Amino acid sequence: MSVTKLEAKGIFFDLDGTIVDSREAYYEAARTAFQAIGQKPPEKEAALEIPRRLERKQPISDIIKADTHKFLPVYLEAYYSITTEKTKPLPNVSTALETLSAKAKLALITMRSVPKESLIKELEGFSIAKYFTYVVTALDTHKPKPSPEALIKCVKALDVQICDCIIVGDSVSDVRAGKAAGAKTVAVLSGLFSRQELAEENPDLIIKDVTALPNFIE
């Protein structure tokens, strides 16, 4: 069976669900926010539905059953405050990034609304910051993914052509952003979205997680 091979001069990675496992952070943030509005914390499955909905800009009122304008600031503040403690790199991701960094320039694109410096510090704590030439957070763009804005910033920073780049992510927004920009798209199954949901976006490749990516990059 032939294996799809992708050429790349630049590879742009999503963070949560792609490079790091954020499930515990999502769950703890939900627990904190529900307690703050006087509600019983949800089951883990319901808690993980919140970031899925937010990613797709879908309502969460049926989950919260309260004023989402009060819930969301507490939720997001809690999430950002515990990411260093509660997120962790996916198994063997450092080895994969080291291999890939020898083949292409790597950048990181995250929808977290945090200063770039604090995110780089978190990556340094995981000993993976050294692999990324450029980092873009939500504070660095006017429009988040699925807008191609963050990818275009990476292209300029890395001095590469968008057609020679790949975006790797666990969400439909990552694939849509890549297609909008004109990049190749790789979806990973290590995050919150199912194979079926990702397949409906027609990425160039779907893999289990980032550790499989070096096998597909020429």
Protein backbone atom coordinates (compact mmCIF):
# COMPACT_ATOMS: atom_id res chain seq x y z
CA MET A 1 0.00 0.00 0.00
CA SER A 2 1.42 3.38 -0.98
CA VAL A 3 2.04 5.92 1.75
CA THR A 4 1.14 9.58 1.25
CA LYS A 5 4.30 11.69 1.37
CA LEU A 6 4.12 15.43 1.88
CA GLU A 7 6.86 17.91 1.10
CA ALA A 8 7.27 20.72 3.61
CA LYS A 9 9.53 23.68 4.18
CA GLY A 10 7.35 24.90 7.05
CA ILE A 11 5.16 22.96 9.49
CA PHE A 12 2.70 24.82 11.71
CA PHE A 13 1.39 23.03 14.79
CA ASP A 14 -1.68 23.62 16.89
CA LEU A 15 -0.97 23.27 20.63
CA ASP A 16 -3.84 21.84 22.69
CA GLY A 17 -4.72 18.32 21.62
CA THR A 18 -1.88 18.28 19.10
CA ILE A 19 1.34 18.88 21.02
CA VAL A 20 -0.02 18.72 24.58
CA ASP A 21 -2.81 16.79 26.28
CA SER A 22 -5.14 19.42 27.75
CA ARG A 23 -8.06 17.28 28.91
CA GLU A 24 -7.31 17.59 32.63
CA ALA A 25 -6.92 21.37 32.31
CA TYR A 26 -10.26 21.65 30.50
CA TYR A 27 -11.93 19.54 33.19
CA GLU A 28 -10.46 21.47 36.11
CA ALA A 29 -11.35 24.80 34.50
CA ALA A 30 -14.96 23.64 34.09
CA ARG A 31 -15.10 22.49 37.71
CA THR A 32 -13.82 25.87 38.90
CA ALA A 33 -16.22 27.86 36.72
CA PHE A 34 -19.29 25.80 37.62
CA GLN A 35 -18.52 26.16 41.32
CA ALA A 36 -18.12 29.92 40.82
CA ILE A 37 -21.66 30.21 39.46
CA GLY A 38 -23.05 27.94 42.16
CA GLN A 39 -23.62 24.86 40.05
CA LYS A 40 -22.59 21.26 40.46
CA PRO A 41 -19.54 20.49 38.27
CA PRO A 42 -20.38 18.38 35.20
CA GLU A 43 -19.18 14.94 34.28
CA LYS A 44 -15.90 14.86 32.38
CA GLU A 45 -17.59 14.19 29.02
CA ALA A 46 -19.75 17.29 29.38
CA ALA A 47 -16.77 19.35 30.53
CA LEU A 48 -14.81 18.38 27.40
CA GLU A 49 -17.76 19.37 25.23
CA ILE A 50 -17.28 23.00 26.29
CA PRO A 51 -13.94 23.60 24.47
CA ARG A 52 -15.28 21.65 21.45
CA ARG A 53 -18.25 24.02 21.23
CA LEU A 54 -16.15 27.12 21.79
CA GLU A 55 -13.75 26.04 19.06
CA ARG A 56 -16.64 25.78 16.61
CA LYS A 57 -18.33 28.94 17.94
CA GLN A 58 -21.38 26.91 18.97
CA PRO A 59 -23.61 27.76 21.96
CA ILE A 60 -22.92 26.16 25.34
CA SER A 61 -26.07 27.37 27.09
CA ASP A 62 -27.54 23.85 27.21
CA ILE A 63 -24.46 22.69 29.15
CA ILE A 64 -24.09 25.70 31.42
CA LYS A 65 -27.79 26.45 32.08
CA ALA A 66 -26.71 29.86 33.38
CA ASP A 67 -25.40 33.18 32.09
CA THR A 68 -22.51 32.21 29.80
CA HIS A 69 -21.17 35.78 30.01
CA LYS A 70 -20.46 35.13 33.70
CA PHE A 71 -19.25 31.59 33.17
CA LEU A 72 -16.79 32.08 30.30
CA PRO A 73 -14.41 34.63 31.87
CA VAL A 74 -14.04 32.43 34.97
CA TYR A 75 -13.60 29.33 32.82
CA LEU A 76 -10.94 30.87 30.60
CA GLU A 77 -9.04 32.47 33.47
CA ALA A 78 -9.02 29.15 35.31
CA TYR A 79 -7.89 27.31 32.21
CA TYR A 80 -5.00 29.64 31.48
CA SER A 81 -3.89 29.64 35.13
CA ILE A 82 -3.59 25.84 35.33
CA THR A 83 -2.27 24.90 31.90
CA THR A 84 1.34 24.71 33.10
CA GLU A 85 0.33 22.40 35.92
CA LYS A 86 -2.38 20.33 34.22
CA THR A 87 -1.27 20.03 30.58
CA LYS A 88 1.52 17.70 29.55
CA PRO A 89 3.25 16.89 26.27
CA LEU A 90 1.82 13.95 24.39
CA PRO A 91 4.04 10.84 24.66
CA ASN A 92 7.19 10.96 22.51
CA VAL A 93 6.25 14.33 21.00
CA SER A 94 9.72 15.76 21.69
CA THR A 95 11.38 13.05 19.59
CA ALA A 96 8.96 13.70 16.74
CA LEU A 97 9.57 17.46 16.85
CA GLU A 98 13.32 16.94 16.86
CA THR A 99 13.07 14.76 13.74
CA LEU A 100 10.72 17.17 11.99
CA SER A 101 12.82 20.23 12.84
CA ALA A 102 15.63 18.69 10.80
CA LYS A 103 13.30 18.52 7.78
CA ALA A 104 11.45 21.85 7.99
CA LYS A 105 11.03 25.07 9.95
CA LEU A 106 8.49 24.63 12.74
CA ALA A 107 6.00 27.16 14.13
CA LEU A 108 3.29 26.97 16.77
CA ILE A 109 -0.19 28.47 16.41
CA THR A 110 -2.53 28.49 19.39
CA MET A 111 -5.96 30.00 20.03
CA ARG A 112 -5.02 30.58 23.67
CA SER A 113 -5.33 34.29 24.51
CA VAL A 114 -2.06 34.48 26.39
CA PRO A 115 1.16 36.46 25.90
CA LYS A 116 3.64 34.73 23.64
CA GLU A 117 6.31 34.95 26.35
CA SER A 118 4.27 32.96 28.88
CA LEU A 119 3.51 30.29 26.31
CA ILE A 120 7.17 29.95 25.35
CA LYS A 121 7.98 29.59 29.06
CA GLU A 122 5.48 26.72 29.28
CA LEU A 123 7.05 25.06 26.25
CA GLU A 124 10.49 25.50 27.81
CA GLY A 125 9.21 23.66 30.86
CA PHE A 126 8.38 20.76 28.54
CA SER A 127 11.82 21.08 26.84
CA ILE A 128 10.23 21.59 23.41
CA ALA A 129 10.40 25.38 22.91
CA LYS A 130 13.73 25.01 21.09
CA TYR A 131 12.07 23.29 18.14
CA PHE A 132 9.80 26.22 17.23
CA THR A 133 11.15 29.10 15.16
CA TYR A 134 8.01 31.17 15.64
CA VAL A 135 5.00 31.22 17.98
CA VAL A 136 1.60 32.85 17.39
CA THR A 137 -1.10 33.17 20.06
CA ALA A 138 -4.61 34.59 19.79
CA LEU A 139 -3.25 37.91 21.06
CA ASP A 140 -1.08 38.20 17.94
CA THR A 141 -3.99 38.06 15.47
CA HIS A 142 -7.19 39.98 14.78
CA LYS A 143 -9.09 36.87 13.73
CA PRO A 144 -8.58 33.37 15.20
CA LYS A 145 -8.59 30.12 13.25
CA PRO A 146 -10.30 29.18 10.96
CA SER A 147 -9.07 32.53 9.62
CA PRO A 148 -5.76 32.03 7.77
CA GLU A 149 -4.26 35.14 9.43
CA ALA A 150 -2.01 33.24 11.87
CA LEU A 151 -0.68 31.01 9.09
CA ILE A 152 0.14 34.02 6.94
CA LYS A 153 2.10 35.55 9.84
CA CYS A 154 4.06 32.30 10.17
CA VAL A 155 4.83 32.20 6.46
CA LYS A 156 6.31 35.70 6.61
CA ALA A 157 8.28 34.96 9.77
CA LEU A 158 9.71 31.70 8.43
CA ASP A 159 10.31 33.13 4.94
CA VAL A 160 8.59 30.26 3.14
CA GLN A 161 5.77 29.91 0.61
CA ILE A 162 2.37 28.85 1.94
CA CYS A 163 2.11 26.12 -0.70
CA ASP A 164 5.24 24.56 0.84
CA CYS A 165 3.72 24.48 4.32
CA ILE A 166 1.61 22.09 6.38
CA ILE A 167 -0.70 22.86 9.28
CA VAL A 168 -1.11 20.07 11.83
CA GLY A 169 -4.01 20.13 14.28
CA ASP A 170 -6.72 18.20 16.06
CA SER A 171 -9.69 20.40 15.16
CA VAL A 172 -11.86 21.31 12.20
CA SER A 173 -10.66 24.92 12.61
CA ASP A 174 -7.07 23.88 11.95
CA VAL A 175 -8.01 22.14 8.70
CA ARG A 176 -10.22 25.01 7.58
CA ALA A 177 -7.50 27.57 8.33
CA GLY A 178 -5.00 25.56 6.32
CA LYS A 179 -7.32 25.27 3.34
CA ALA A 180 -8.19 28.97 3.51
CA ALA A 181 -4.48 29.83 3.44
CA GLY A 182 -3.57 27.35 0.71
CA ALA A 183 -1.46 25.07 2.90
CA LYS A 184 -1.47 21.29 3.13
CA THR A 185 -3.48 19.97 6.07
CA VAL A 186 -2.83 17.13 8.51
CA ALA A 187 -5.44 16.19 11.13
CA VAL A 188 -4.47 14.30 14.28
CA LEU A 189 -6.77 12.15 16.40
CA SER A 190 -5.13 13.04 19.72
CA GLY A 191 -7.55 15.86 20.57
CA LEU A 192 -11.26 16.41 21.07
CA PHE A 193 -12.52 15.81 17.53
CA SER A 194 -13.46 12.47 16.01
CA ARG A 195 -12.10 10.93 12.84
CA GLN A 196 -15.48 11.42 11.17
CA GLU A 197 -15.63 15.12 12.04
CA LEU A 198 -12.10 15.66 10.75
CA ALA A 199 -12.61 13.52 7.64
CA GLU A 200 -15.58 15.70 6.65
CA GLU A 201 -13.11 18.59 6.27
CA ASN A 202 -11.06 16.58 3.74
CA PRO A 203 -7.55 17.09 5.14
CA ASP A 204 -4.64 15.81 3.09
CA LEU A 205 -3.83 13.31 5.82
CA ILE A 206 -5.31 11.96 9.05
CA ILE A 207 -2.93 10.34 11.55
CA LYS A 208 -3.18 9.04 15.10
CA ASP A 209 -0.93 11.73 16.56
CA VAL A 210 2.12 13.90 15.85
CA THR A 211 4.56 11.06 16.48
CA ALA A 212 3.43 9.46 13.21
CA LEU A 213 4.09 12.60 11.17
CA PRO A 214 7.82 12.08 10.43
CA ASN A 215 6.88 8.97 8.42
CA PHE A 216 4.90 11.12 6.01
CA ILE A 217 7.27 14.07 5.50
CA GLU A 218 9.79 13.85 2.69
